N, C-alpha and C. Protein backbone atom coordinates (compact mmCIF):
# COMPACT_ATOMS: atom_id res chain seq x y z
N UNK A 1 2.43 17.67 -7.08
CA UNK A 1 1.78 18.99 -7.10
C UNK A 1 0.89 19.15 -5.72
N UNK A 2 1.14 20.51 -5.32
CA UNK A 2 0.42 20.83 -4.39
C UNK A 2 0.08 22.16 -4.24
N UNK A 3 -0.67 22.83 -3.24
CA UNK A 3 -0.95 24.34 -3.28
C UNK A 3 -2.12 24.66 -2.98
N UNK A 4 -2.94 24.98 -3.87
CA UNK A 4 -4.57 25.12 -3.83
C UNK A 4 -5.19 24.46 -5.01
N UNK A 5 -6.28 23.67 -4.22
CA UNK A 5 -6.92 22.65 -4.88
C UNK A 5 -8.34 23.16 -5.19
N UNK A 6 -9.14 22.68 -6.19
CA UNK A 6 -10.63 23.28 -6.44
C UNK A 6 -11.44 21.73 -6.33
N UNK A 7 -12.21 21.34 -5.87
CA UNK A 7 -13.17 20.45 -6.39
C UNK A 7 -14.61 20.92 -7.13
N UNK A 8 -14.38 20.23 -8.31
CA UNK A 8 -15.72 21.09 -9.37
C UNK A 8 -17.12 20.32 -9.10
N UNK A 9 -17.68 20.64 -9.53
CA UNK A 9 -19.67 20.35 -9.44
C UNK A 9 -19.67 18.96 -9.42
N UNK A 10 -18.96 18.42 -10.28
CA UNK A 10 -18.96 16.87 -10.62
C UNK A 10 -18.05 16.35 -9.56
N UNK A 11 -17.36 16.61 -8.48
CA UNK A 11 -16.82 16.15 -7.63
C UNK A 11 -15.47 15.65 -8.08
N UNK A 12 -14.59 16.18 -9.14
CA UNK A 12 -12.92 15.80 -9.37
C UNK A 12 -12.55 16.95 -9.18
N UNK A 13 -10.98 16.73 -8.95
CA UNK A 13 -10.07 18.06 -8.75
C UNK A 13 -9.32 18.04 -9.88
N UNK A 14 -9.90 19.00 -10.48
CA UNK A 14 -9.47 19.31 -11.89
C UNK A 14 -7.63 19.12 -12.12
N UNK A 15 -6.93 19.64 -10.61
CA UNK A 15 -5.49 19.85 -10.93
C UNK A 15 -4.74 18.14 -10.50
N UNK A 16 -5.80 17.11 -10.40
CA UNK A 16 -4.85 15.70 -10.00
C UNK A 16 -5.24 14.81 -11.34
N UNK A 17 -4.39 13.96 -11.27
CA UNK A 17 -4.26 13.24 -12.28
C UNK A 17 -5.47 12.00 -12.12
N UNK A 18 -6.47 12.26 -13.00
CA UNK A 18 -7.42 11.41 -13.14
C UNK A 18 -7.36 10.05 -13.63
N UNK A 19 -7.26 8.96 -12.82
CA UNK A 19 -7.52 7.64 -13.33
C UNK A 19 -8.76 6.95 -12.76
N UNK A 20 -9.96 6.85 -13.74
CA UNK A 20 -10.96 6.36 -12.99
C UNK A 20 -11.30 4.73 -12.89
N UNK A 21 -11.75 4.67 -11.54
CA UNK A 21 -12.13 3.34 -10.86
C UNK A 21 -13.38 2.86 -11.60
N UNK A 22 -13.62 1.65 -11.42
CA UNK A 22 -14.83 1.18 -11.66
C UNK A 22 -15.42 0.70 -10.50
N UNK A 23 -14.53 1.01 -9.53
CA UNK A 23 -15.34 0.41 -8.26
C UNK A 23 -16.01 1.25 -7.37
N UNK A 24 -17.11 1.76 -7.30
CA UNK A 24 -17.78 2.78 -6.60
C UNK A 24 -19.46 2.64 -7.00
N UNK A 25 -19.87 3.49 -6.42
CA UNK A 25 -21.79 3.44 -6.61
C UNK A 25 -22.14 4.42 -6.31
N UNK A 26 -23.52 5.29 -6.60
CA UNK A 26 -24.05 6.37 -5.99
C UNK A 26 -24.25 6.07 -4.37
N UNK A 27 -23.70 7.29 -4.04
CA UNK A 27 -24.03 7.29 -2.53
C UNK A 27 -25.54 7.05 -2.21
N UNK A 28 -25.92 6.43 -0.98
CA UNK A 28 -27.50 6.52 -0.72
C UNK A 28 -28.09 7.68 -1.08
N UNK A 29 -29.19 7.73 -1.35
CA UNK A 29 -30.33 9.10 -1.40
C UNK A 29 -30.07 9.89 -0.02
N UNK A 30 -29.72 11.27 -0.41
CA UNK A 30 -29.43 12.05 0.29
C UNK A 30 -28.26 12.40 1.27
N UNK A 31 -27.28 11.08 0.92
CA UNK A 31 -25.95 11.07 1.64
C UNK A 31 -24.99 11.91 1.10
N UNK A 32 -24.16 12.67 1.84
CA UNK A 32 -23.36 13.71 1.09
C UNK A 32 -21.92 13.43 2.34
N UNK A 33 -20.69 13.86 1.74
CA UNK A 33 -19.61 13.67 2.39
C UNK A 33 -19.41 14.17 3.46
N UNK A 34 -19.56 13.69 4.65
CA UNK A 34 -19.21 14.81 6.16
C UNK A 34 -17.94 14.16 6.66
N UNK A 35 -17.41 13.20 6.27
CA UNK A 35 -15.98 12.51 6.97
C UNK A 35 -15.07 12.25 5.55
N UNK A 36 -13.77 12.57 6.53
CA UNK A 36 -12.43 12.15 5.59
C UNK A 36 -12.08 11.05 6.20
N UNK A 37 -11.53 10.21 5.67
CA UNK A 37 -10.71 8.82 6.10
C UNK A 37 -9.56 8.58 5.51
N UNK A 38 -8.46 8.44 6.05
CA UNK A 38 -7.09 8.74 5.83
C UNK A 38 -7.07 7.09 6.05
N UNK A 39 -6.02 6.62 4.96
CA UNK A 39 -5.50 5.65 4.66
C UNK A 39 -3.81 5.45 4.66
N UNK A 40 -3.23 4.39 4.52
CA UNK A 40 -1.85 4.28 3.76
C UNK A 40 -2.20 2.79 3.01
N UNK A 41 -1.23 3.30 2.16
CA UNK A 41 -1.24 2.06 1.04
C UNK A 41 0.29 1.55 0.28
N UNK A 42 0.72 0.53 0.32
CA UNK A 42 1.91 0.36 -0.57
C UNK A 42 1.87 -1.27 -0.95
N UNK A 43 2.32 -1.10 -2.37
CA UNK A 43 2.12 -2.31 -3.33
C UNK A 43 3.70 -2.61 -4.04
N UNK A 44 4.10 -3.79 -3.69
CA UNK A 44 3.76 -4.57 -2.60
C UNK A 44 4.06 -3.74 -1.20
N UNK A 45 3.75 -4.56 -0.16
CA UNK A 45 3.84 -3.97 0.95
C UNK A 45 5.54 -3.68 1.18
N UNK A 46 5.39 -2.07 1.71
CA UNK A 46 6.73 -1.37 2.19
C UNK A 46 7.41 -1.14 0.77
N UNK A 47 6.84 -1.32 -0.38
CA UNK A 47 7.39 -0.89 -1.61
C UNK A 47 6.88 0.35 -2.13
N UNK A 48 7.58 1.07 -2.37
CA UNK A 48 6.98 2.34 -3.21
C UNK A 48 7.51 2.75 -4.97
N UNK A 49 6.45 3.35 -4.99
CA UNK A 49 6.66 3.58 -6.59
C UNK A 49 5.96 2.76 -7.45
N UNK A 50 5.92 2.99 -8.62
CA UNK A 50 5.15 2.01 -9.68
C UNK A 50 3.61 2.05 -10.10
N UNK A 51 3.07 1.25 -10.60
CA UNK A 51 1.75 1.59 -10.92
C UNK A 51 0.90 0.54 -10.50
N UNK A 52 1.21 -0.31 -9.38
CA UNK A 52 0.18 -1.39 -8.80
C UNK A 52 -0.97 -0.90 -7.99
N UNK A 53 -0.57 0.59 -7.44
CA UNK A 53 -2.02 0.99 -6.71
C UNK A 53 -2.90 1.06 -7.53
N UNK A 54 -2.55 2.14 -8.67
CA UNK A 54 -3.49 2.37 -9.84
C UNK A 54 -3.97 0.95 -10.18
N UNK A 55 -3.21 0.28 -10.40
CA UNK A 55 -4.07 -1.30 -11.30
C UNK A 55 -4.65 -2.07 -10.25
N UNK A 56 -4.44 -1.97 -8.87
CA UNK A 56 -5.38 -2.61 -7.83
C UNK A 56 -6.71 -1.87 -7.96
N UNK A 57 -6.82 -0.52 -8.01
CA UNK A 57 -8.09 0.41 -8.22
C UNK A 57 -8.78 0.05 -9.31
N UNK A 58 -7.91 0.05 -10.43
CA UNK A 58 -8.51 -0.12 -11.89
C UNK A 58 -9.10 -1.81 -12.14
N UNK A 59 -8.93 -2.72 -11.18
CA UNK A 59 -8.83 -3.94 -11.25
C UNK A 59 -8.24 -4.71 -12.61
N UNK A 60 -7.16 -4.06 -12.77
CA UNK A 60 -6.06 -4.55 -13.71
C UNK A 60 -4.60 -5.31 -12.93
N UNK A 61 -4.94 -5.12 -11.93
CA UNK A 61 -3.30 -5.55 -11.22
C UNK A 61 -3.22 -6.89 -11.55
N UNK A 62 -1.99 -7.49 -12.28
CA UNK A 62 -1.45 -8.80 -12.38
C UNK A 62 -1.26 -9.66 -11.11
N UNK A 63 -2.09 -10.42 -10.81
CA UNK A 63 -1.95 -11.11 -9.11
C UNK A 63 -0.95 -12.06 -9.42
N UNK A 64 -0.55 -12.67 -10.48
CA UNK A 64 0.51 -13.65 -10.49
C UNK A 64 2.20 -12.62 -10.54
N UNK A 65 2.16 -11.59 -10.30
CA UNK A 65 3.13 -10.63 -10.24
C UNK A 65 3.77 -10.89 -8.95
N UNK A 66 3.13 -11.05 -8.22
CA UNK A 66 3.88 -11.00 -6.71
C UNK A 66 3.30 -11.68 -5.71
N UNK A 67 3.88 -12.63 -4.93
CA UNK A 67 3.10 -13.64 -3.69
C UNK A 67 2.07 -12.92 -3.02
N UNK A 68 2.24 -11.82 -2.56
CA UNK A 68 1.19 -10.88 -1.89
C UNK A 68 -0.07 -10.71 -2.47
N UNK A 69 0.38 -10.40 -4.01
CA UNK A 69 -1.01 -10.16 -4.88
C UNK A 69 -1.73 -11.44 -4.89
N UNK A 70 -1.20 -12.32 -5.01
CA UNK A 70 -2.02 -13.56 -5.19
C UNK A 70 -2.84 -14.33 -3.90
N UNK A 71 -2.01 -14.01 -2.85
CA UNK A 71 -2.46 -14.36 -1.53
C UNK A 71 -3.59 -13.60 -0.91
N UNK A 72 -3.49 -12.31 -1.11
CA UNK A 72 -4.45 -11.43 -0.52
C UNK A 72 -5.47 -10.70 -1.65
N UNK A 73 -4.92 -10.37 -2.72
CA UNK A 73 -5.58 -9.22 -3.29
C UNK A 73 -6.27 -9.82 -5.10
N UNK A 74 -6.12 -11.16 -5.00
CA UNK A 74 -6.61 -11.70 -6.10
C UNK A 74 -8.50 -11.57 -5.88
N UNK A 75 -8.79 -11.22 -6.80
CA UNK A 75 -10.61 -11.02 -6.86
C UNK A 75 -10.85 -9.95 -5.87
N UNK A 76 -10.19 -8.91 -5.32
CA UNK A 76 -10.27 -7.97 -4.43
C UNK A 76 -10.89 -6.77 -5.26
N UNK A 77 -12.22 -6.17 -5.10
CA UNK A 77 -12.35 -5.08 -5.60
C UNK A 77 -12.54 -3.76 -4.68
N UNK A 78 -11.83 -2.87 -4.81
CA UNK A 78 -11.35 -1.73 -3.87
C UNK A 78 -11.27 -0.45 -4.71
N UNK A 79 -11.26 0.99 -3.92
CA UNK A 79 -10.80 1.90 -4.52
C UNK A 79 -10.96 2.93 -3.19
N UNK A 80 -10.25 3.79 -3.77
CA UNK A 80 -10.53 5.11 -2.83
C UNK A 80 -10.81 6.38 -3.80
N UNK A 81 -10.98 7.21 -3.45
CA UNK A 81 -11.09 8.73 -3.85
C UNK A 81 -9.69 9.11 -4.57
N UNK A 82 -8.90 9.12 -3.51
CA UNK A 82 -7.88 10.15 -3.81
C UNK A 82 -6.26 8.98 -3.42
N UNK A 83 -5.52 9.08 -4.07
CA UNK A 83 -4.02 8.69 -3.83
C UNK A 83 -3.28 9.71 -3.80
N UNK A 84 -2.08 9.81 -2.71
CA UNK A 84 -1.21 10.99 -2.61
C UNK A 84 0.14 10.29 -2.60
N UNK A 85 0.93 10.38 -3.49
CA UNK A 85 2.22 9.66 -3.85
C UNK A 85 3.41 10.21 -2.90
N UNK A 86 4.66 9.70 -2.80
CA UNK A 86 5.36 9.91 -1.75
C UNK A 86 5.65 11.25 -2.30
N UNK A 87 5.91 11.59 -3.55
CA UNK A 87 6.37 13.18 -4.00
C UNK A 87 5.46 14.14 -4.04
N UNK A 88 4.30 13.79 -3.30
CA UNK A 88 2.92 14.67 -3.23
C UNK A 88 1.98 14.66 -4.19
N UNK A 89 2.34 13.82 -5.26
CA UNK A 89 1.51 14.26 -6.59
C UNK A 89 0.10 13.35 -6.16
N UNK A 90 -0.83 13.76 -6.77
CA UNK A 90 -2.17 13.53 -6.40
C UNK A 90 -2.71 13.05 -7.44
N UNK A 91 -3.83 11.96 -7.38
CA UNK A 91 -4.46 10.97 -8.36
C UNK A 91 -5.69 11.11 -7.63
N UNK A 92 -6.61 10.81 -8.80
CA UNK A 92 -8.15 10.63 -7.99
C UNK A 92 -8.85 9.76 -8.95
N UNK A 93 -9.35 8.83 -8.07
CA UNK A 93 -9.78 7.59 -8.89
C UNK A 93 -11.33 7.54 -9.02
N UNK A 94 -12.01 8.19 -8.05
CA UNK A 94 -13.75 8.10 -8.19
C UNK A 94 -14.27 9.76 -7.82
N UNK A 95 -15.20 9.93 -8.19
CA UNK A 95 -15.82 11.38 -7.76
C UNK A 95 -16.25 11.50 -6.63
N UNK A 96 -15.76 12.50 -5.72
CA UNK A 96 -16.28 12.92 -4.46
C UNK A 96 -17.81 12.50 -3.99
N UNK A 97 -18.51 12.83 -5.29
CA UNK A 97 -19.73 12.76 -5.17
C UNK A 97 -20.48 11.13 -5.33
N UNK A 98 -19.49 10.36 -5.47
CA UNK A 98 -19.80 8.96 -5.37
C UNK A 98 -19.30 8.22 -4.26
N UNK A 99 -19.64 6.96 -4.03
CA UNK A 99 -19.29 5.74 -2.86
C UNK A 99 -18.07 5.32 -3.30
N UNK A 100 -16.95 5.49 -2.88
CA UNK A 100 -15.73 4.82 -3.02
C UNK A 100 -15.75 3.41 -2.09
N UNK A 101 -15.19 2.06 -2.20
CA UNK A 101 -14.93 1.17 -1.66
C UNK A 101 -13.56 1.20 -0.96
N UNK A 102 -13.67 2.12 0.07
CA UNK A 102 -12.40 1.94 0.81
C UNK A 102 -12.28 1.70 2.32
N UNK A 103 -13.77 1.92 2.88
CA UNK A 103 -13.41 1.45 4.60
C UNK A 103 -14.09 0.21 4.75
N UNK A 104 -14.64 -0.54 3.87
CA UNK A 104 -15.31 -1.68 4.00
C UNK A 104 -16.11 -1.67 5.56
N UNK A 105 -15.95 -2.62 6.15
CA UNK A 105 -16.91 -2.72 7.56
C UNK A 105 -16.53 -1.64 8.41
N UNK A 106 -17.20 -0.71 8.45
CA UNK A 106 -16.67 0.35 9.51
C UNK A 106 -17.67 0.96 10.47
N UNK A 107 -17.24 1.91 11.28
CA UNK A 107 -18.39 2.47 12.33
C UNK A 107 -17.55 4.00 12.71
N UNK A 108 -18.23 5.21 12.55
CA UNK A 108 -17.84 6.35 13.08
C UNK A 108 -19.10 6.57 14.11
N UNK A 109 -18.53 6.42 15.38
CA UNK A 109 -19.17 6.56 16.57
C UNK A 109 -20.69 6.13 16.50
N UNK A 110 -20.73 4.84 16.05
CA UNK A 110 -22.45 4.50 15.89
C UNK A 110 -22.92 4.28 14.49
N UNK A 111 -22.33 5.24 14.06
CA UNK A 111 -22.76 5.41 12.50
C UNK A 111 -21.74 4.38 11.48
N UNK A 112 -22.55 3.49 11.22
CA UNK A 112 -22.47 2.06 10.16
C UNK A 112 -22.09 2.93 8.80
N UNK A 113 -21.59 1.67 7.93
CA UNK A 113 -21.24 1.71 6.73
C UNK A 113 -20.41 3.19 6.25
N UNK A 114 -19.36 3.25 6.64
CA UNK A 114 -18.49 4.89 6.75
C UNK A 114 -18.45 5.03 5.16
N UNK A 115 -18.34 4.49 4.07
CA UNK A 115 -18.15 4.57 2.57
C UNK A 115 -19.47 5.68 2.15
N UNK A 116 -20.50 5.17 2.98
CA UNK A 116 -21.83 6.18 2.58
C UNK A 116 -21.37 7.43 2.66
N UNK A 117 -20.60 7.99 3.68
CA UNK A 117 -20.44 9.33 3.99
C UNK A 117 -19.24 9.65 3.89
N UNK A 118 -18.35 9.40 3.44
CA UNK A 118 -16.98 10.00 3.57
C UNK A 118 -16.12 10.04 2.18
N UNK A 119 -15.06 10.52 2.86
CA UNK A 119 -14.36 10.38 1.20
C UNK A 119 -12.85 9.66 1.66
N UNK A 120 -12.13 9.16 0.80
CA UNK A 120 -11.30 7.82 1.29
C UNK A 120 -9.78 8.60 0.51
N UNK A 121 -8.76 8.86 1.50
CA UNK A 121 -7.61 9.36 1.05
C UNK A 121 -6.56 8.36 1.07
N UNK A 122 -5.99 7.95 0.18
CA UNK A 122 -4.69 6.83 0.77
C UNK A 122 -3.32 7.70 0.50
N UNK A 123 -2.40 7.73 1.48
CA UNK A 123 -1.06 7.89 1.30
C UNK A 123 -0.29 6.94 0.84
N UNK A 124 0.40 6.86 -0.29
CA UNK A 124 1.70 6.02 -0.49
C UNK A 124 2.72 6.07 0.52
N UNK A 125 2.46 4.80 1.75
CA UNK A 125 3.46 4.66 2.70
C UNK A 125 2.95 3.27 3.34
N UNK A 126 3.62 3.06 4.81
CA UNK A 126 3.13 1.92 5.29
C UNK A 126 3.25 2.31 7.13
N UNK A 127 2.61 1.25 7.95
CA UNK A 127 2.84 1.36 8.89
C UNK A 127 4.46 1.49 9.73
N UNK A 128 5.14 1.58 8.78
CA UNK A 128 6.59 1.16 9.28
C UNK A 128 7.45 2.52 8.83
N UNK A 129 7.31 3.41 8.49
CA UNK A 129 8.20 4.62 7.86
C UNK A 129 7.19 5.55 7.85
N UNK A 130 7.87 6.66 8.17
CA UNK A 130 7.12 8.47 8.13
C UNK A 130 6.97 8.49 6.71
N UNK A 131 5.70 9.26 6.49
CA UNK A 131 5.46 10.09 5.60
C UNK A 131 6.18 11.44 5.35
N UNK A 132 6.35 11.77 3.66
CA UNK A 132 7.01 12.54 3.16
C UNK A 132 6.26 14.43 3.50
N UNK A 133 6.96 15.05 3.60
CA UNK A 133 6.50 16.50 3.77
C UNK A 133 5.71 16.83 2.71
N UNK A 134 5.99 16.68 1.52
CA UNK A 134 5.17 16.65 0.37
C UNK A 134 4.04 16.08 0.35
N UNK A 135 3.81 15.09 1.16
CA UNK A 135 2.46 14.37 1.24
C UNK A 135 1.61 15.00 2.05
N UNK A 136 2.05 15.32 3.30
CA UNK A 136 1.30 16.26 4.06
C UNK A 136 0.95 17.81 3.39
N UNK A 137 1.71 18.42 2.55
CA UNK A 137 1.28 19.58 1.83
C UNK A 137 0.06 19.41 1.20
N UNK A 138 0.21 18.40 0.15
CA UNK A 138 -0.54 17.64 -0.81
C UNK A 138 -2.08 17.61 -0.03
N UNK A 139 -1.98 16.58 1.18
CA UNK A 139 -2.86 16.49 2.05
C UNK A 139 -3.62 17.78 2.48
N UNK A 140 -3.01 18.50 2.90
CA UNK A 140 -3.44 19.66 3.69
C UNK A 140 -4.33 20.53 2.54
N UNK A 141 -4.05 20.66 1.56
CA UNK A 141 -4.55 21.90 0.58
C UNK A 141 -5.68 20.79 -0.09
N UNK A 142 -5.54 19.48 -0.07
CA UNK A 142 -6.70 18.89 -0.37
C UNK A 142 -8.17 18.51 0.33
N UNK A 143 -7.49 18.59 1.98
CA UNK A 143 -8.56 18.52 2.89
C UNK A 143 -9.20 20.01 2.83
N UNK A 144 -8.67 21.20 2.69
CA UNK A 144 -9.15 22.49 2.33
C UNK A 144 -10.22 22.56 1.30
N UNK A 145 -9.74 21.89 0.24
CA UNK A 145 -10.62 22.16 -0.80
C UNK A 145 -12.02 21.11 -0.80
N UNK A 146 -11.67 20.07 0.08
CA UNK A 146 -12.93 18.96 0.32
C UNK A 146 -13.90 19.72 1.32
N UNK A 147 -13.14 20.49 2.57
CA UNK A 147 -14.25 21.42 3.03
C UNK A 147 -14.84 22.38 2.63
N UNK A 148 -14.27 23.29 1.26
CA UNK A 148 -14.71 23.91 0.91
C UNK A 148 -16.23 23.92 -0.06
N UNK A 149 -16.04 22.43 -0.43
CA UNK A 149 -17.32 22.05 -1.28
C UNK A 149 -18.05 21.26 -0.29
N UNK A 150 -17.64 20.34 0.67
CA UNK A 150 -18.61 19.57 1.04
C UNK A 150 -18.61 19.72 2.70
N UNK A 151 -19.88 19.30 3.51
CA UNK A 151 -19.82 19.82 4.67
C UNK A 151 -19.24 18.67 5.63
N UNK A 152 -18.00 18.72 5.35
CA UNK A 152 -17.04 17.98 6.47
C UNK A 152 -16.92 18.36 7.86
N UNK A 153 -16.85 17.58 8.64
CA UNK A 153 -16.97 17.74 9.79
C UNK A 153 -16.26 17.04 10.91
N UNK A 154 -15.44 15.97 10.19
CA UNK A 154 -14.67 15.26 11.15
C UNK A 154 -13.64 14.54 10.10
N UNK A 155 -12.07 14.05 10.85
CA UNK A 155 -11.22 13.39 9.83
C UNK A 155 -11.02 12.38 10.68
N UNK A 156 -10.43 11.16 10.20
CA UNK A 156 -10.09 9.82 11.33
C UNK A 156 -9.45 9.00 10.30
N UNK A 157 -8.85 8.11 10.93
CA UNK A 157 -7.98 7.26 10.34
C UNK A 157 -8.58 5.85 10.05
N UNK A 158 -8.36 5.10 9.20
CA UNK A 158 -9.09 3.88 8.73
C UNK A 158 -8.87 3.28 10.24
N UNK A 159 -7.95 3.02 10.92
CA UNK A 159 -8.24 2.61 12.05
C UNK A 159 -8.61 3.00 13.05
N UNK A 160 -9.54 3.94 13.24
CA UNK A 160 -10.22 4.58 13.96
C UNK A 160 -11.62 3.87 13.85
N UNK A 161 -11.75 4.06 12.18
CA UNK A 161 -13.29 3.67 12.06
C UNK A 161 -13.44 1.98 11.59
N UNK A 162 -12.14 1.45 11.82
CA UNK A 162 -12.58 -0.42 11.49
C UNK A 162 -11.20 -0.79 12.63
N UNK A 163 -11.59 -0.46 14.09
CA UNK A 163 -10.24 -1.05 14.79
C UNK A 163 -10.26 -2.46 15.17
N UNK A 164 -9.11 -2.78 15.29
CA UNK A 164 -8.86 -4.21 15.36
C UNK A 164 -8.60 -5.14 14.15
N UNK A 165 -9.54 -4.39 12.79
CA UNK A 165 -9.42 -4.98 11.40
C UNK A 165 -8.29 -4.17 10.93
N UNK A 166 -8.35 -2.52 11.01
CA UNK A 166 -7.37 -2.17 9.99
C UNK A 166 -6.05 -0.97 11.04
N UNK A 167 -5.11 -1.11 10.78
CA UNK A 167 -3.94 -0.17 11.56
C UNK A 167 -3.42 0.92 10.61
N UNK A 168 -3.94 1.34 9.32
CA UNK A 168 -3.48 2.56 8.80
C UNK A 168 -4.13 3.64 9.09
N UNK A 169 -3.82 4.92 9.28
CA UNK A 169 -2.55 5.22 8.39
C UNK A 169 -1.04 4.98 9.23
N UNK A 170 -1.79 4.29 10.45
CA UNK A 170 -0.43 3.84 11.23
C UNK A 170 0.25 4.90 12.30
N UNK A 171 1.25 4.36 12.83
CA UNK A 171 1.89 5.38 13.93
C UNK A 171 3.00 6.17 13.61
N UNK A 172 3.03 5.89 12.23
CA UNK A 172 4.11 7.67 11.82
C UNK A 172 3.28 8.88 11.25
N UNK A 173 1.91 8.21 11.20
CA UNK A 173 1.22 9.70 10.77
C UNK A 173 0.99 10.53 11.72
N UNK A 174 1.21 11.79 11.15
CA UNK A 174 1.44 12.83 12.28
C UNK A 174 -0.06 13.73 12.12
N UNK A 175 -0.76 13.30 13.19
CA UNK A 175 -2.25 13.99 12.86
C UNK A 175 -2.06 15.35 13.52
N UNK A 176 -1.43 15.55 14.61
CA UNK A 176 -1.04 16.91 14.83
C UNK A 176 -0.42 18.02 13.77
N UNK A 177 0.07 17.20 13.04
CA UNK A 177 0.80 18.22 11.76
C UNK A 177 -0.32 18.41 10.92
N UNK A 178 -1.60 17.57 10.57
CA UNK A 178 -2.44 17.84 9.79
C UNK A 178 -3.21 18.57 10.44
N UNK A 179 -3.40 18.73 11.69
CA UNK A 179 -4.17 19.70 12.49
C UNK A 179 -3.53 21.18 12.29
N UNK A 180 -2.02 21.15 12.31
CA UNK A 180 -1.44 22.66 12.24
C UNK A 180 -1.67 22.97 10.84
N UNK A 181 -1.35 22.23 9.98
CA UNK A 181 -1.59 22.57 8.52
C UNK A 181 -2.57 22.91 8.06
N UNK A 182 -3.56 22.44 8.48
CA UNK A 182 -5.25 22.61 8.22
C UNK A 182 -5.67 23.59 8.90
N UNK A 183 -5.25 24.16 9.97
CA UNK A 183 -5.74 25.07 10.86
C UNK A 183 -7.07 24.74 11.20
N UNK A 184 -7.58 23.47 11.33
CA UNK A 184 -8.55 23.12 11.89
C UNK A 184 -8.85 22.76 13.31
N UNK A 185 -10.31 23.16 13.86
CA UNK A 185 -10.33 22.93 15.45
C UNK A 185 -9.81 21.98 15.83
N UNK A 186 -10.04 21.49 17.01
CA UNK A 186 -9.59 20.15 17.36
C UNK A 186 -10.92 19.25 17.40
N UNK A 187 -11.95 19.88 17.33
CA UNK A 187 -13.12 19.34 16.89
C UNK A 187 -13.37 18.16 15.82
N UNK A 188 -12.42 18.85 14.60
CA UNK A 188 -12.54 17.70 13.62
C UNK A 188 -11.85 16.30 13.96
N UNK A 189 -11.06 16.36 14.78
CA UNK A 189 -10.02 15.12 15.03
C UNK A 189 -10.73 14.44 16.53
N UNK A 190 -11.93 14.03 16.22
CA UNK A 190 -12.63 13.33 17.41
C UNK A 190 -11.83 12.13 18.09
N UNK A 191 -10.92 11.98 17.55
CA UNK A 191 -10.08 10.30 17.95
C UNK A 191 -8.74 10.99 18.07
N UNK A 192 -8.74 12.84 18.19
CA UNK A 192 -7.11 12.80 18.85
C UNK A 192 -7.52 13.10 19.87
N UNK A 193 -6.05 12.69 20.85
CA UNK A 193 -6.26 13.00 22.25
C UNK A 193 -5.92 14.24 22.67
N UNK A 194 -6.52 14.86 23.74
CA UNK A 194 -6.16 16.14 24.34
C UNK A 194 -4.78 16.72 23.86
N UNK A 195 -3.91 15.91 24.45
CA UNK A 195 -2.36 16.14 24.38
C UNK A 195 -1.73 16.21 22.78
N UNK A 196 -2.71 15.89 21.95
CA UNK A 196 -2.53 16.12 20.68
C UNK A 196 -1.61 15.24 20.16
N UNK A 197 -1.56 13.98 20.78
CA UNK A 197 -1.37 12.63 20.12
C UNK A 197 -2.11 11.68 19.87
N UNK A 198 -1.75 10.70 19.37
CA UNK A 198 -2.91 9.73 19.11
C UNK A 198 -2.95 8.36 20.04
């Protein structure tokens, strides 16, 4: 589903499928979301569909079900505020008013702990394939809604705030397309090159 979204006073998007993750905490006193961090995720890697992402975020993933889960995800506790699936379907796991565990050790132009002041959006995908048009439509509508509720002043990739540690959303993510779809000024994309490419 995409189109027009709203974020309610409790930090939830009523139109999204609500799947509550236990992996969150209160933001530091006085902290509000000003940054959106875009990620990609697929479980197992480069395979789409299924319920593994939700299971990971809800701590119910069977780590014996796949070798990757066993070696990389056993005992991991992570979450994001949103997941956008390949068909554009939107799921929400954590209220935007709370601190989801999505960025890990991170730095936004000298400001550490990006989870404190950011909203994490996962796109179902990988570094090796393009994203779907439906995902861009949902993402743009969600960014518009988040900007209407919170003082968002920047968007960045996980790789921007955790360089050398993370590569997502990867080389196939079209930042210029997101900028065009949202009609946001270039200042909202501080890591975007002047030419419009990453």
